Amino acid sequence: MNKTERAIVIKKILDKVYPETPIPLDHQDNFTLLIAVLLSAQCTDERVNQVTPNLFSIASDPLSMSKLSVNKIYKIIKPCGLGPQKSKAISKLSKILVNKFNCEVPNNFSDLESLPGVGHKTASVVMSQGFGIPAFAVDTHIHRLAQRWGLTNGKNVKKTEEDLKKIFPKESWNKLHLQIIFWGREYCMAKTCYGTECKICKSCYPKRKKPFVHKRP
């Protein structure tokens, strides 16, 4: 089975298991989505969803967030980890959105990635889930699974993103990104399956016997 054939099998299984792909981070608009995604770095979506209601009840738009002290933001988001860095980034990006973007979250990669604390992955999530613009946000789940499924050599997340974009049609990226994450959390976790147990791994590599060793991002 070549890479193209594996991609067809993978998409067929994912479409059957996950016909719907609800966004896992609770939010009301693109600003609250941006903040939630920023907070999700090295933190579970569940934890973020526990923290953001308190934060957004106080400040759910750039202007009100820009008026909060960094310390106030930090005290609320501390359970998400990396609190000092994240609270400073949230404060700074809120001020920039107010002063430079008329309190609107920009809808292009260049402007998004210019914001403090916003890298390419975060920008990709906002572009795809917030604006509906095709993007393929590669996180650790996707990076790991793309290797296990023989879709990339796993050199780094940038290369993985490029490889996945070449294999799958553009119109499928936004949904597929979430489907792969869901599968990685439910059936093909980092410390289970190891490329030999879940339905997709067995379908792509039926003769694989030894645990697959993937390259880290």
Protein backbone atom coordinates (compact mmCIF):
# COMPACT_ATOMS: atom_id res chain seq x y z
CA MET A 1 0.00 0.00 0.00
CA ASN A 2 1.51 3.33 -1.06
CA LYS A 3 1.10 6.71 0.64
CA THR A 4 -1.87 7.75 -1.50
CA GLU A 5 -3.68 4.47 -0.83
CA ARG A 6 -3.04 4.78 2.90
CA ALA A 7 -4.43 8.32 2.87
CA ILE A 8 -7.65 7.09 1.26
CA VAL A 9 -8.04 4.34 3.85
CA ILE A 10 -7.31 6.74 6.71
CA LYS A 11 -9.83 9.35 5.56
CA LYS A 12 -12.51 6.71 5.02
CA ILE A 13 -12.11 5.40 8.58
CA LEU A 14 -11.99 8.88 10.12
CA ASP A 15 -15.08 10.06 8.21
CA LYS A 16 -17.00 7.02 9.46
CA VAL A 17 -15.93 7.37 13.11
CA TYR A 18 -16.06 11.19 13.23
CA PRO A 19 -18.71 12.47 10.80
CA GLU A 20 -18.99 15.59 12.95
CA THR A 21 -16.04 17.51 14.37
CA PRO A 22 -17.06 19.91 17.15
CA ILE A 23 -14.35 22.36 18.16
CA PRO A 24 -12.98 21.06 21.49
CA LEU A 25 -12.14 24.49 22.95
CA ASP A 26 -15.14 26.41 24.27
CA HIS A 27 -15.35 29.95 22.88
CA GLN A 28 -17.82 32.61 21.77
CA ASP A 29 -15.94 34.33 18.96
CA ASN A 30 -12.54 34.55 17.30
CA PHE A 31 -10.96 36.49 20.15
CA THR A 32 -11.99 33.99 22.82
CA LEU A 33 -10.92 31.19 20.45
CA LEU A 34 -7.51 32.82 20.05
CA ILE A 35 -7.05 33.08 23.81
CA ALA A 36 -8.23 29.51 24.38
CA VAL A 37 -5.83 28.14 21.77
CA LEU A 38 -2.96 30.14 23.25
CA LEU A 39 -3.77 28.70 26.69
CA SER A 40 -3.90 25.14 25.31
CA ALA A 41 -0.14 25.05 24.69
CA GLN A 42 1.21 22.21 26.87
CA CYS A 43 -2.21 21.98 28.52
CA THR A 44 -5.29 19.82 27.95
CA ASP A 45 -8.41 21.23 26.31
CA GLU A 46 -10.39 20.09 29.35
CA ARG A 47 -8.28 22.21 31.67
CA VAL A 48 -8.53 25.22 29.37
CA ASN A 49 -12.32 24.85 29.28
CA GLN A 50 -12.35 24.87 33.08
CA VAL A 51 -10.32 28.08 33.24
CA THR A 52 -11.70 30.24 30.42
CA PRO A 53 -15.25 30.76 31.78
CA ASN A 54 -13.82 32.68 34.72
CA LEU A 55 -11.46 34.69 32.49
CA PHE A 56 -14.10 35.47 29.85
CA SER A 57 -16.69 36.45 32.44
CA ILE A 58 -14.35 39.30 33.33
CA ALA A 59 -12.91 40.07 29.89
CA SER A 60 -14.22 38.51 26.68
CA ASP A 61 -12.99 41.12 24.19
CA PRO A 62 -9.64 42.77 23.42
CA LEU A 63 -10.51 46.10 25.05
CA SER A 64 -11.62 44.67 28.39
CA MET A 65 -8.73 42.16 28.40
CA SER A 66 -6.23 44.95 27.71
CA LYS A 67 -7.39 46.72 30.85
CA LEU A 68 -6.65 43.76 33.13
CA SER A 69 -3.29 43.63 34.86
CA VAL A 70 -0.91 40.85 33.90
CA ASN A 71 -1.08 39.62 37.48
CA LYS A 72 -4.89 39.41 37.37
CA ILE A 73 -4.74 37.36 34.17
CA TYR A 74 -2.00 35.17 35.65
CA LYS A 75 -4.01 34.32 38.77
CA ILE A 76 -6.89 33.08 36.60
CA ILE A 77 -4.95 31.13 34.00
CA LYS A 78 -2.28 29.69 36.31
CA PRO A 79 -3.79 26.15 36.23
CA CYS A 80 -3.07 26.00 32.49
CA GLY A 81 0.69 26.08 33.06
CA LEU A 82 3.28 28.49 31.67
CA GLY A 83 1.29 31.20 33.42
CA PRO A 84 3.92 33.97 33.43
CA GLN A 85 4.52 33.75 29.68
CA LYS A 86 0.88 33.24 28.72
CA SER A 87 -0.46 36.06 30.90
CA LYS A 88 2.06 38.52 29.45
CA ALA A 89 1.26 37.40 25.91
CA ILE A 90 -2.51 37.72 26.44
CA SER A 91 -2.10 41.22 27.85
CA LYS A 92 0.22 42.39 25.07
CA LEU A 93 -1.75 40.88 22.18
CA SER A 94 -4.98 42.38 23.53
CA LYS A 95 -3.42 45.84 23.54
CA ILE A 96 -2.13 45.31 19.99
CA LEU A 97 -5.57 44.20 18.79
CA VAL A 98 -7.04 47.37 20.30
CA ASN A 99 -4.43 49.77 18.96
CA LYS A 100 -3.58 48.22 15.61
CA PHE A 101 -6.51 46.07 14.53
CA ASN A 102 -9.55 47.96 15.80
CA CYS A 103 -10.28 45.22 18.36
CA GLU A 104 -10.60 42.60 15.62
CA VAL A 105 -8.65 39.36 15.31
CA PRO A 106 -6.82 39.49 11.95
CA ASN A 107 -7.72 36.86 9.36
CA ASN A 108 -4.28 36.24 7.86
CA PHE A 109 -1.24 34.29 8.98
CA SER A 110 1.19 37.19 8.83
CA ASP A 111 -0.73 39.42 11.23
CA LEU A 112 -1.76 36.57 13.52
CA GLU A 113 1.79 35.30 13.88
CA SER A 114 3.00 38.82 14.67
CA LEU A 115 1.00 38.74 17.90
CA PRO A 116 2.80 37.81 21.14
CA GLY A 117 2.44 34.12 22.03
CA VAL A 118 0.92 33.22 18.67
CA GLY A 119 2.93 30.73 16.65
CA HIS A 120 2.09 29.04 13.37
CA LYS A 121 0.08 26.24 14.98
CA THR A 122 -2.09 28.65 16.99
CA ALA A 123 -2.59 30.83 13.92
CA SER A 124 -3.56 27.76 11.88
CA VAL A 125 -6.23 26.77 14.41
CA VAL A 126 -7.73 30.27 14.41
CA MET A 127 -7.65 30.46 10.62
CA SER A 128 -9.34 27.08 10.19
CA GLN A 129 -11.75 26.94 13.12
CA GLY A 130 -12.40 30.65 13.46
CA PHE A 131 -12.44 31.91 9.88
CA GLY A 132 -13.04 28.67 7.99
CA ILE A 133 -9.93 29.23 5.88
CA PRO A 134 -8.15 25.96 4.95
CA ALA A 135 -5.21 25.29 7.27
CA PHE A 136 -3.60 22.19 8.76
CA ALA A 137 -2.58 22.83 12.35
CA VAL A 138 -0.08 20.12 13.28
CA ASP A 139 0.14 19.35 16.99
CA THR A 140 1.95 16.50 18.74
CA HIS A 141 -0.93 14.08 18.10
CA ILE A 142 -0.95 14.75 14.36
CA HIS A 143 2.86 14.74 14.14
CA ARG A 144 2.98 11.34 15.86
CA LEU A 145 0.16 9.74 13.88
CA ALA A 146 1.34 11.01 10.50
CA GLN A 147 4.57 9.13 11.15
CA ARG A 148 2.87 5.96 12.35
CA TRP A 149 0.67 6.00 9.27
CA GLY A 150 3.58 6.54 6.87
CA LEU A 151 2.44 9.96 5.67
CA THR A 152 5.66 11.83 6.58
CA ASN A 153 9.22 11.16 7.62
CA GLY A 154 8.60 13.09 10.83
CA LYS A 155 11.62 15.36 10.50
CA ASN A 156 9.71 18.23 12.16
CA VAL A 157 6.17 19.60 12.44
CA LYS A 158 6.72 22.00 9.53
CA LYS A 159 7.65 19.12 7.22
CA THR A 160 4.71 17.07 8.53
CA GLU A 161 2.33 19.93 7.71
CA GLU A 162 3.76 20.24 4.20
CA ASP A 163 3.47 16.50 3.60
CA LEU A 164 -0.13 16.27 4.82
CA LYS A 165 -1.17 19.23 2.68
CA LYS A 166 0.25 17.46 -0.39
CA ILE A 167 -1.61 14.22 0.35
CA PHE A 168 -5.08 15.39 1.36
CA PRO A 169 -7.36 17.75 -0.63
CA LYS A 170 -7.47 21.32 0.63
CA GLU A 171 -11.20 21.24 1.34
CA SER A 172 -10.66 18.40 3.85
CA TRP A 173 -7.91 20.03 5.95
CA ASN A 174 -10.02 21.80 8.57
CA LYS A 175 -12.14 18.76 9.41
CA LEU A 176 -9.32 16.25 9.01
CA HIS A 177 -7.09 18.13 11.42
CA LEU A 178 -9.67 17.64 14.18
CA GLN A 179 -10.46 14.05 13.17
CA ILE A 180 -6.81 13.03 13.50
CA ILE A 181 -6.55 14.72 16.91
CA PHE A 182 -9.69 12.92 18.12
CA TRP A 183 -8.35 9.58 16.85
CA GLY A 184 -4.98 10.18 18.51
CA ARG A 185 -6.64 10.86 21.84
CA GLU A 186 -9.09 7.96 21.69
CA TYR A 187 -7.48 5.10 19.77
CA CYS A 188 -3.82 5.79 18.97
CA MET A 189 -2.36 7.43 22.06
CA ALA A 190 1.34 8.09 22.57
CA LYS A 191 1.79 5.28 25.09
CA THR A 192 -0.59 2.76 23.53
CA CYS A 193 -0.99 1.27 20.07
CA TYR A 194 2.60 2.09 19.05
CA GLY A 195 1.57 1.73 15.44
CA THR A 196 0.36 -1.86 15.82
CA GLU A 197 -3.05 -1.95 17.52
CA CYS A 198 -5.60 0.64 16.33
CA LYS A 199 -7.69 0.04 13.22
CA ILE A 200 -5.88 2.64 11.13
CA CYS A 201 -2.41 1.40 12.03
CA LYS A 202 -3.40 -2.20 11.34
CA SER A 203 -5.05 -1.20 8.06
CA CYS A 204 -2.02 0.77 6.87
CA TYR A 205 0.60 -1.71 8.10
CA PRO A 206 -0.98 -5.14 8.62
CA LYS A 207 2.44 -6.83 8.75
CA ARG A 208 3.99 -4.47 11.30
CA LYS A 209 4.91 -6.40 14.44
CA LYS A 210 7.40 -4.22 16.30
CA PRO A 211 6.35 -0.95 18.01
CA PHE A 212 6.90 2.07 15.77
CA VAL A 213 9.42 4.57 17.11
CA HIS A 214 8.46 8.07 16.05
CA LYS A 215 10.56 11.20 15.87
CA ARG A 216 9.66 14.02 18.22
CA PRO A 217 8.75 17.51 16.93
